[in-house]
Amino acid sequence: MGKYSFPRKFRIHFQRDFDRIFTRRVSVADPVIIVYGCENGLPHPRLAVSVPRKIGKAVRRNRWRRLIREAFRLQRHRLPPGVDLVVVARTPEVPHLEQLKQSLLNLSWRLMRKLQRCSPPPGSNPSEKPSDSSGEP
């Protein structure tokens, strides 16, 4: 696979991973996107995309999804390692790819700094590992 591919191991698939991210409730935002995240214990970042219906019809929402995935694919080597990111679109206006790339890069590093300042939530199991997309339990 090429340097800029987007294989399965870079995607968040399992509900338990989404639950872990949203339970942690660490987020950062700018006028374009909101990024939720938490540590994943892996040597690479992973991505999930959410585009709410208020953004518009399916054509626009799908365009947003494609652009967010493309921004992640092109920037993943510059993103902080070991973090799961859920990116949520904020505005109906679809941004340019360059704007989205810069926004994702800045927000992911801000999120990482915020995660480092926060301690694990009470009652959480620090040894709990995220689901690796390799299909193993």
N, C-alpha and C. Protein backbone atom coordinates (compact mmCIF):
# COMPACT_ATOMS: atom_id res chain seq x y z
N MET A 1 0.83 -1.18 0.00
CA MET A 1 0.00 0.00 0.00
C MET A 1 0.87 1.24 0.00
N GLY A 2 0.37 2.29 -0.59
CA GLY A 2 1.13 3.51 -0.69
C GLY A 2 1.21 4.28 0.61
N LYS A 3 2.06 5.25 0.61
CA LYS A 3 2.30 6.07 1.78
C LYS A 3 1.05 6.82 2.23
N TYR A 4 0.19 7.18 1.29
CA TYR A 4 -0.98 7.98 1.61
C TYR A 4 -2.28 7.19 1.52
N SER A 5 -2.22 5.89 1.67
CA SER A 5 -3.44 5.10 1.59
C SER A 5 -4.26 5.29 2.88
N PHE A 6 -5.45 4.71 2.90
CA PHE A 6 -6.32 4.83 4.07
C PHE A 6 -6.86 3.44 4.44
N PRO A 7 -5.96 2.55 4.93
CA PRO A 7 -6.38 1.18 5.23
C PRO A 7 -7.29 1.10 6.45
N ARG A 8 -7.86 -0.05 6.64
CA ARG A 8 -8.84 -0.30 7.70
C ARG A 8 -8.29 0.01 9.09
N LYS A 9 -7.02 -0.23 9.33
CA LYS A 9 -6.47 -0.02 10.68
C LYS A 9 -6.49 1.45 11.10
N PHE A 10 -6.70 2.37 10.16
CA PHE A 10 -6.77 3.80 10.48
C PHE A 10 -8.21 4.28 10.68
N ARG A 11 -9.16 3.36 10.67
CA ARG A 11 -10.58 3.72 10.83
C ARG A 11 -11.11 3.21 12.16
N ILE A 12 -12.04 3.93 12.73
CA ILE A 12 -12.72 3.50 13.95
C ILE A 12 -14.02 2.84 13.51
N HIS A 13 -14.21 1.58 13.90
CA HIS A 13 -15.38 0.82 13.45
C HIS A 13 -16.32 0.41 14.57
N PHE A 14 -15.78 0.10 15.73
CA PHE A 14 -16.56 -0.56 16.76
C PHE A 14 -17.26 0.42 17.69
N GLN A 15 -18.47 0.05 18.10
CA GLN A 15 -19.27 0.89 18.98
C GLN A 15 -18.55 1.15 20.30
N ARG A 16 -17.83 0.17 20.81
CA ARG A 16 -17.14 0.36 22.09
C ARG A 16 -16.06 1.44 21.98
N ASP A 17 -15.47 1.60 20.80
CA ASP A 17 -14.49 2.67 20.62
C ASP A 17 -15.18 4.04 20.61
N PHE A 18 -16.33 4.12 19.94
CA PHE A 18 -17.09 5.37 19.95
C PHE A 18 -17.53 5.70 21.37
N ASP A 19 -18.01 4.70 22.10
CA ASP A 19 -18.44 4.92 23.49
C ASP A 19 -17.29 5.44 24.33
N ARG A 20 -16.11 4.87 24.16
CA ARG A 20 -14.93 5.30 24.92
C ARG A 20 -14.59 6.76 24.60
N ILE A 21 -14.68 7.13 23.34
CA ILE A 21 -14.36 8.50 22.94
C ILE A 21 -15.37 9.48 23.52
N PHE A 22 -16.66 9.17 23.39
CA PHE A 22 -17.68 10.10 23.85
C PHE A 22 -17.83 10.09 25.36
N THR A 23 -17.44 9.02 26.03
CA THR A 23 -17.44 9.00 27.49
C THR A 23 -16.35 9.93 28.01
N ARG A 24 -15.24 9.93 27.35
CA ARG A 24 -14.11 10.79 27.76
C ARG A 24 -14.44 12.27 27.57
N ARG A 25 -15.25 12.60 26.57
CA ARG A 25 -15.75 13.95 26.33
C ARG A 25 -14.65 15.01 26.21
N VAL A 26 -13.59 14.70 25.54
CA VAL A 26 -12.56 15.70 25.28
C VAL A 26 -12.75 16.15 23.84
N SER A 27 -12.93 17.47 23.66
CA SER A 27 -13.18 17.97 22.31
C SER A 27 -12.54 19.33 22.12
N VAL A 28 -12.29 19.64 20.87
CA VAL A 28 -11.81 20.95 20.46
C VAL A 28 -12.58 21.29 19.18
N ALA A 29 -12.67 22.59 18.90
CA ALA A 29 -13.47 22.99 17.74
C ALA A 29 -12.94 24.29 17.15
N ASP A 30 -13.30 24.51 15.91
CA ASP A 30 -13.11 25.78 15.24
C ASP A 30 -14.38 26.02 14.44
N PRO A 31 -14.46 27.08 13.64
CA PRO A 31 -15.71 27.33 12.91
C PRO A 31 -16.07 26.25 11.88
N VAL A 32 -15.14 25.41 11.50
CA VAL A 32 -15.38 24.43 10.44
C VAL A 32 -15.76 23.06 10.98
N ILE A 33 -14.99 22.54 11.94
CA ILE A 33 -15.22 21.18 12.45
C ILE A 33 -15.08 21.12 13.97
N ILE A 34 -15.64 20.06 14.55
CA ILE A 34 -15.44 19.70 15.95
C ILE A 34 -14.68 18.38 15.93
N VAL A 35 -13.69 18.24 16.81
CA VAL A 35 -12.93 16.99 16.90
C VAL A 35 -13.04 16.47 18.33
N TYR A 36 -13.59 15.27 18.48
CA TYR A 36 -13.63 14.55 19.75
C TYR A 36 -12.52 13.52 19.70
N GLY A 37 -11.95 13.20 20.87
CA GLY A 37 -10.90 12.20 20.81
C GLY A 37 -10.50 11.65 22.15
N CYS A 38 -9.71 10.60 22.10
CA CYS A 38 -9.08 10.02 23.27
C CYS A 38 -7.89 9.18 22.81
N GLU A 39 -7.06 8.79 23.78
CA GLU A 39 -5.89 7.98 23.46
C GLU A 39 -6.34 6.60 23.00
N ASN A 40 -5.57 6.00 22.10
CA ASN A 40 -5.95 4.67 21.63
C ASN A 40 -4.90 3.60 21.90
N GLY A 41 -3.74 3.96 22.41
CA GLY A 41 -2.73 2.97 22.72
C GLY A 41 -2.09 2.31 21.51
N LEU A 42 -2.35 2.84 20.33
CA LEU A 42 -1.79 2.31 19.10
C LEU A 42 -0.71 3.28 18.60
N PRO A 43 0.16 2.85 17.70
CA PRO A 43 1.22 3.75 17.22
C PRO A 43 0.76 4.70 16.12
N HIS A 44 -0.53 4.77 15.86
CA HIS A 44 -1.02 5.62 14.78
C HIS A 44 -2.39 6.20 15.15
N PRO A 45 -2.78 7.31 14.51
CA PRO A 45 -4.11 7.87 14.75
C PRO A 45 -5.17 7.07 13.99
N ARG A 46 -6.42 7.16 14.46
CA ARG A 46 -7.55 6.55 13.75
C ARG A 46 -8.64 7.61 13.60
N LEU A 47 -9.51 7.42 12.62
CA LEU A 47 -10.52 8.42 12.27
C LEU A 47 -11.90 7.82 12.16
N ALA A 48 -12.88 8.61 12.60
CA ALA A 48 -14.29 8.37 12.29
C ALA A 48 -14.88 9.72 11.91
N VAL A 49 -15.87 9.71 11.03
CA VAL A 49 -16.46 10.95 10.53
C VAL A 49 -17.95 10.94 10.82
N SER A 50 -18.45 12.10 11.26
CA SER A 50 -19.88 12.26 11.48
C SER A 50 -20.32 13.57 10.83
N VAL A 51 -21.33 13.48 9.98
CA VAL A 51 -21.87 14.67 9.33
C VAL A 51 -23.37 14.68 9.59
N PRO A 52 -23.84 15.57 10.47
CA PRO A 52 -25.27 15.57 10.82
C PRO A 52 -26.17 16.00 9.67
N ARG A 53 -27.43 15.63 9.75
CA ARG A 53 -28.38 15.96 8.70
C ARG A 53 -28.60 17.45 8.53
N LYS A 54 -28.36 18.21 9.59
CA LYS A 54 -28.56 19.66 9.48
C LYS A 54 -27.58 20.29 8.47
N ILE A 55 -26.54 19.57 8.10
CA ILE A 55 -25.57 20.05 7.11
C ILE A 55 -26.21 20.15 5.74
N GLY A 56 -27.16 19.27 5.45
CA GLY A 56 -27.82 19.32 4.15
C GLY A 56 -28.18 17.95 3.65
N LYS A 57 -28.50 17.90 2.38
CA LYS A 57 -28.90 16.63 1.77
C LYS A 57 -27.70 15.70 1.61
N ALA A 58 -27.98 14.47 1.21
CA ALA A 58 -26.97 13.42 1.16
C ALA A 58 -25.76 13.79 0.31
N VAL A 59 -25.98 14.48 -0.79
CA VAL A 59 -24.87 14.84 -1.68
C VAL A 59 -23.86 15.71 -0.94
N ARG A 60 -24.36 16.69 -0.19
CA ARG A 60 -23.47 17.58 0.56
C ARG A 60 -22.81 16.84 1.72
N ARG A 61 -23.56 16.03 2.43
CA ARG A 61 -22.98 15.27 3.55
C ARG A 61 -21.90 14.32 3.06
N ASN A 62 -22.15 13.66 1.93
CA ASN A 62 -21.14 12.76 1.38
C ASN A 62 -19.89 13.51 0.94
N ARG A 63 -20.05 14.70 0.39
CA ARG A 63 -18.90 15.54 0.01
C ARG A 63 -18.06 15.86 1.25
N TRP A 64 -18.73 16.25 2.33
CA TRP A 64 -18.04 16.51 3.59
C TRP A 64 -17.24 15.28 4.02
N ARG A 65 -17.88 14.12 4.01
CA ARG A 65 -17.20 12.89 4.44
C ARG A 65 -15.96 12.61 3.59
N ARG A 66 -16.11 12.74 2.29
CA ARG A 66 -14.96 12.50 1.41
C ARG A 66 -13.82 13.47 1.70
N LEU A 67 -14.15 14.74 1.90
CA LEU A 67 -13.11 15.73 2.17
C LEU A 67 -12.41 15.48 3.50
N ILE A 68 -13.17 15.13 4.53
CA ILE A 68 -12.57 14.87 5.84
C ILE A 68 -11.64 13.65 5.75
N ARG A 69 -12.09 12.60 5.10
CA ARG A 69 -11.24 11.42 4.94
C ARG A 69 -9.98 11.74 4.13
N GLU A 70 -10.14 12.55 3.09
CA GLU A 70 -8.99 12.93 2.27
C GLU A 70 -8.00 13.78 3.08
N ALA A 71 -8.51 14.72 3.87
CA ALA A 71 -7.64 15.54 4.71
C ALA A 71 -6.87 14.66 5.70
N PHE A 72 -7.56 13.70 6.31
CA PHE A 72 -6.89 12.78 7.23
C PHE A 72 -5.84 11.95 6.50
N ARG A 73 -6.20 11.42 5.35
CA ARG A 73 -5.30 10.57 4.58
C ARG A 73 -4.01 11.31 4.23
N LEU A 74 -4.14 12.57 3.83
CA LEU A 74 -2.97 13.36 3.43
C LEU A 74 -2.16 13.86 4.63
N GLN A 75 -2.80 14.03 5.78
CA GLN A 75 -2.13 14.61 6.95
C GLN A 75 -1.77 13.58 8.01
N ARG A 76 -2.14 12.32 7.84
CA ARG A 76 -2.02 11.37 8.95
C ARG A 76 -0.59 11.22 9.45
N HIS A 77 0.40 11.46 8.61
CA HIS A 77 1.80 11.36 9.05
C HIS A 77 2.20 12.55 9.91
N ARG A 78 1.40 13.61 9.87
CA ARG A 78 1.69 14.81 10.67
C ARG A 78 0.79 14.90 11.90
N LEU A 79 -0.18 14.01 12.02
CA LEU A 79 -1.10 14.01 13.15
C LEU A 79 -0.45 13.32 14.34
N PRO A 80 -0.92 13.64 15.56
CA PRO A 80 -0.33 12.99 16.74
C PRO A 80 -0.62 11.49 16.73
N PRO A 81 0.37 10.67 17.06
CA PRO A 81 0.15 9.22 17.09
C PRO A 81 -0.63 8.83 18.35
N GLY A 82 -1.28 7.69 18.28
CA GLY A 82 -1.94 7.14 19.46
C GLY A 82 -3.20 7.85 19.89
N VAL A 83 -3.93 8.42 18.93
CA VAL A 83 -5.16 9.12 19.29
C VAL A 83 -6.27 8.73 18.31
N ASP A 84 -7.48 8.54 18.86
CA ASP A 84 -8.66 8.31 18.04
C ASP A 84 -9.37 9.64 17.86
N LEU A 85 -9.76 9.95 16.63
CA LEU A 85 -10.41 11.22 16.31
C LEU A 85 -11.78 10.96 15.71
N VAL A 86 -12.80 11.63 16.24
CA VAL A 86 -14.12 11.65 15.61
C VAL A 86 -14.32 13.09 15.15
N VAL A 87 -14.41 13.28 13.85
CA VAL A 87 -14.53 14.62 13.27
C VAL A 87 -15.99 14.84 12.88
N VAL A 88 -16.54 15.97 13.36
CA VAL A 88 -17.94 16.31 13.09
C VAL A 88 -17.97 17.63 12.33
N ALA A 89 -18.69 17.64 11.22
CA ALA A 89 -18.84 18.86 10.42
C ALA A 89 -19.74 19.84 11.17
N ARG A 90 -19.45 21.14 11.06
CA ARG A 90 -20.22 22.15 11.77
C ARG A 90 -21.10 23.01 10.88
N THR A 91 -20.65 23.32 9.68
CA THR A 91 -21.38 24.27 8.84
C THR A 91 -21.83 23.62 7.54
N PRO A 92 -22.93 24.10 6.97
CA PRO A 92 -23.37 23.57 5.67
C PRO A 92 -22.41 23.91 4.53
N GLU A 93 -21.64 24.98 4.66
CA GLU A 93 -20.70 25.36 3.61
C GLU A 93 -19.54 24.37 3.60
N VAL A 94 -19.33 23.75 2.47
CA VAL A 94 -18.23 22.79 2.34
C VAL A 94 -16.93 23.56 2.15
N PRO A 95 -15.94 23.36 3.03
CA PRO A 95 -14.68 24.10 2.92
C PRO A 95 -13.79 23.54 1.82
N HIS A 96 -12.75 24.30 1.50
CA HIS A 96 -11.73 23.81 0.58
C HIS A 96 -10.89 22.77 1.31
N LEU A 97 -10.32 21.86 0.57
CA LEU A 97 -9.52 20.79 1.15
C LEU A 97 -8.36 21.36 1.97
N GLU A 98 -7.70 22.38 1.47
CA GLU A 98 -6.55 22.96 2.20
C GLU A 98 -6.98 23.51 3.56
N GLN A 99 -8.13 24.17 3.60
CA GLN A 99 -8.64 24.70 4.87
C GLN A 99 -8.94 23.55 5.84
N LEU A 100 -9.52 22.50 5.33
CA LEU A 100 -9.86 21.35 6.16
C LEU A 100 -8.61 20.64 6.66
N LYS A 101 -7.60 20.50 5.81
CA LYS A 101 -6.34 19.88 6.22
C LYS A 101 -5.71 20.66 7.36
N GLN A 102 -5.66 21.98 7.23
CA GLN A 102 -5.05 22.81 8.26
C GLN A 102 -5.85 22.75 9.55
N SER A 103 -7.16 22.79 9.43
CA SER A 103 -8.03 22.73 10.59
C SER A 103 -7.86 21.40 11.33
N LEU A 104 -7.85 20.30 10.60
CA LEU A 104 -7.68 18.98 11.22
C LEU A 104 -6.34 18.87 11.91
N LEU A 105 -5.30 19.35 11.29
CA LEU A 105 -3.96 19.29 11.88
C LEU A 105 -3.89 20.10 13.17
N ASN A 106 -4.35 21.34 13.12
CA ASN A 106 -4.31 22.20 14.31
C ASN A 106 -5.16 21.64 15.45
N LEU A 107 -6.38 21.22 15.13
CA LEU A 107 -7.27 20.73 16.18
C LEU A 107 -6.80 19.41 16.77
N SER A 108 -6.22 18.55 15.97
CA SER A 108 -5.76 17.27 16.51
C SER A 108 -4.61 17.47 17.50
N TRP A 109 -3.71 18.41 17.22
CA TRP A 109 -2.63 18.68 18.17
C TRP A 109 -3.15 19.39 19.41
N ARG A 110 -4.13 20.28 19.25
CA ARG A 110 -4.76 20.91 20.42
C ARG A 110 -5.43 19.85 21.29
N LEU A 111 -6.11 18.91 20.64
CA LEU A 111 -6.77 17.83 21.37
C LEU A 111 -5.74 16.99 22.12
N MET A 112 -4.62 16.69 21.50
CA MET A 112 -3.59 15.89 22.14
C MET A 112 -3.06 16.59 23.39
N ARG A 113 -2.82 17.90 23.29
CA ARG A 113 -2.36 18.65 24.47
C ARG A 113 -3.41 18.62 25.57
N LYS A 114 -4.67 18.75 25.19
CA LYS A 114 -5.76 18.71 26.16
C LYS A 114 -5.85 17.34 26.82
N LEU A 115 -5.67 16.28 26.05
CA LEU A 115 -5.70 14.92 26.60
C LEU A 115 -4.55 14.71 27.59
N GLN A 116 -3.39 15.27 27.29
CA GLN A 116 -2.24 15.10 28.17
C GLN A 116 -2.46 15.82 29.50
N ARG A 117 -3.21 16.93 29.48
CA ARG A 117 -3.50 17.67 30.71
C ARG A 117 -4.54 16.95 31.56
N CYS A 118 -5.46 16.26 30.91
CA CYS A 118 -6.55 15.57 31.62
C CYS A 118 -6.07 14.23 32.14
N SER A 119 -6.56 13.87 33.29
CA SER A 119 -6.27 12.53 33.80
C SER A 119 -7.36 11.58 33.31
N PRO A 120 -7.13 10.28 33.36
CA PRO A 120 -8.17 9.33 32.95
C PRO A 120 -9.42 9.53 33.79
N PRO A 121 -10.60 9.32 33.22
CA PRO A 121 -11.83 9.51 33.97
C PRO A 121 -11.93 8.51 35.11
N PRO A 122 -12.58 8.91 36.23
CA PRO A 122 -12.69 8.00 37.37
C PRO A 122 -13.47 6.74 36.97
N GLY A 123 -13.03 5.61 37.51
CA GLY A 123 -13.70 4.35 37.22
C GLY A 123 -13.31 3.72 35.91
N SER A 124 -12.45 4.38 35.15
CA SER A 124 -12.04 3.79 33.87
C SER A 124 -10.92 2.80 34.12
N ASN A 125 -10.79 1.88 33.23
CA ASN A 125 -9.75 0.87 33.33
C ASN A 125 -8.61 1.28 32.40
N PRO A 126 -7.49 1.78 32.93
CA PRO A 126 -6.42 2.25 32.05
C PRO A 126 -5.81 1.15 31.20
N SER A 127 -5.96 -0.11 31.61
CA SER A 127 -5.40 -1.19 30.80
C SER A 127 -6.32 -1.59 29.66
N GLU A 128 -7.53 -1.02 29.62
CA GLU A 128 -8.48 -1.34 28.55
C GLU A 128 -7.93 -0.83 27.22
N LYS A 129 -7.81 -1.72 26.29
CA LYS A 129 -7.26 -1.38 24.97
C LYS A 129 -8.39 -1.13 23.99
N PRO A 130 -8.18 -0.24 23.02
CA PRO A 130 -9.18 -0.03 21.99
C PRO A 130 -9.24 -1.24 21.07
N SER A 131 -10.30 -1.32 20.33
CA SER A 131 -10.45 -2.42 19.38
C SER A 131 -9.54 -2.19 18.20
N ASP A 132 -8.66 -3.13 17.95
CA ASP A 132 -7.84 -3.06 16.75
C ASP A 132 -8.67 -3.61 15.61
N SER A 133 -8.64 -2.98 14.49
CA SER A 133 -9.49 -3.35 13.35
C SER A 133 -9.00 -4.59 12.63
N SER A 134 -8.11 -5.34 13.24
CA SER A 134 -7.59 -6.53 12.57
C SER A 134 -8.56 -7.70 12.62
N GLY A 135 -9.65 -7.57 13.39
CA GLY A 135 -10.64 -8.61 13.47
C GLY A 135 -10.42 -9.59 14.61
N GLU A 136 -9.35 -9.41 15.39
CA GLU A 136 -9.10 -10.27 16.52
C GLU A 136 -9.85 -9.74 17.73
N PRO A 137 -10.37 -10.62 18.61
CA PRO A 137 -11.12 -10.16 19.79
C PRO A 137 -10.23 -9.53 20.82
